[in-house]
Amino acid sequence: MGFWTLMKGLLLFANALAILNEDRFLSPRGWTLAELHQTGRKNSPKGQIVGLINACQYMRLPLMLINVAVIVVKVFFG
């Protein structure tokens, strides 16, 4: 596995986290920042994962730009 393949895999993972809908998917399971602030468990593994999901959702615009750049590179260089 090369570095480029690893980066594309991480980009796909970040895209998957960015499209999770908080109202439909995360809230019924208790995976929201609001619930973690109420319980005070921000440093638990669940809190770290919820923070990562929130960060990916916050960075949607840069993710879109990176996706466009990767698509352009793949079109021109295969």
Protein backbone atom coordinates (compact mmCIF):
# COMPACT_ATOMS: atom_id res chain seq x y z
CA MET A 1 0.00 0.00 0.00
CA GLY A 2 1.40 3.32 -1.01
CA PHE A 3 1.11 6.74 0.55
CA TRP A 4 -1.34 7.92 -2.15
CA THR A 5 -3.63 4.93 -1.50
CA LEU A 6 -3.55 5.61 2.23
CA MET A 7 -4.45 9.28 1.68
CA LYS A 8 -7.36 8.35 -0.59
CA GLY A 9 -8.61 5.90 2.02
CA LEU A 10 -8.48 8.55 4.75
CA LEU A 11 -10.29 10.98 2.45
CA LEU A 12 -13.05 8.42 1.84
CA PHE A 13 -13.33 7.83 5.60
CA ALA A 14 -13.59 11.59 6.26
CA ASN A 15 -16.27 11.85 3.56
CA ALA A 16 -18.23 9.03 5.20
CA LEU A 17 -18.13 10.81 8.57
CA ALA A 18 -19.04 14.17 7.03
CA ILE A 19 -22.30 12.94 5.51
CA LEU A 20 -23.73 11.38 8.68
CA ASN A 21 -27.01 13.10 9.49
CA GLU A 22 -27.19 14.15 13.12
CA ASP A 23 -30.99 14.14 13.34
CA ARG A 24 -31.59 10.78 11.66
CA PHE A 25 -28.55 8.72 12.57
CA LEU A 26 -26.56 10.17 15.45
CA SER A 27 -29.22 11.59 17.76
CA PRO A 28 -31.28 8.38 18.25
CA ARG A 29 -28.09 6.57 19.28
CA GLY A 30 -26.93 9.32 21.65
CA TRP A 31 -23.89 10.31 19.58
CA THR A 32 -24.30 14.11 19.69
CA LEU A 33 -22.13 16.79 21.25
CA ALA A 34 -25.08 18.15 23.21
CA GLU A 35 -25.61 14.82 24.95
CA LEU A 36 -21.92 14.49 25.75
CA HIS A 37 -21.88 17.98 27.30
CA GLN A 38 -24.85 17.02 29.49
CA THR A 39 -23.24 13.81 30.72
CA GLY A 40 -19.74 15.32 30.97
CA ARG A 41 -18.04 12.40 29.20
CA LYS A 42 -16.09 14.39 26.61
CA ASN A 43 -12.80 12.52 27.06
CA SER A 44 -14.22 9.01 26.76
CA PRO A 45 -13.65 7.01 23.56
CA LYS A 46 -17.26 7.73 22.56
CA GLY A 47 -16.64 11.44 23.14
CA GLN A 48 -13.51 11.35 20.99
CA ILE A 49 -15.39 9.66 18.14
CA VAL A 50 -18.25 12.16 18.38
CA GLY A 51 -15.69 14.97 18.29
CA LEU A 52 -14.09 13.48 15.17
CA ILE A 53 -17.50 13.20 13.47
CA ASN A 54 -18.30 16.79 14.39
CA ALA A 55 -14.93 17.99 13.08
CA CYS A 56 -15.48 16.21 9.75
CA GLN A 57 -18.94 17.74 9.45
CA TYR A 58 -17.54 21.18 10.24
CA MET A 59 -14.85 20.85 7.55
CA ARG A 60 -17.19 19.99 4.67
CA LEU A 61 -16.05 22.81 2.38
CA PRO A 62 -12.33 21.93 2.59
CA LEU A 63 -13.30 18.27 2.07
CA MET A 64 -15.14 19.21 -1.11
CA LEU A 65 -12.11 21.12 -2.38
CA ILE A 66 -9.79 18.21 -1.59
CA ASN A 67 -12.20 15.83 -3.35
CA VAL A 68 -12.16 18.03 -6.46
CA ALA A 69 -8.35 18.12 -6.39
CA VAL A 70 -8.14 14.34 -6.09
CA ILE A 71 -10.62 13.90 -8.97
CA VAL A 72 -8.60 16.27 -11.18
CA VAL A 73 -5.36 14.45 -10.36
CA LYS A 74 -6.99 11.08 -11.11
CA VAL A 75 -8.41 12.34 -14.43
CA PHE A 76 -5.09 13.73 -15.65
CA PHE A 77 -2.65 11.19 -14.21
CA GLY A 78 -4.75 8.04 -13.98
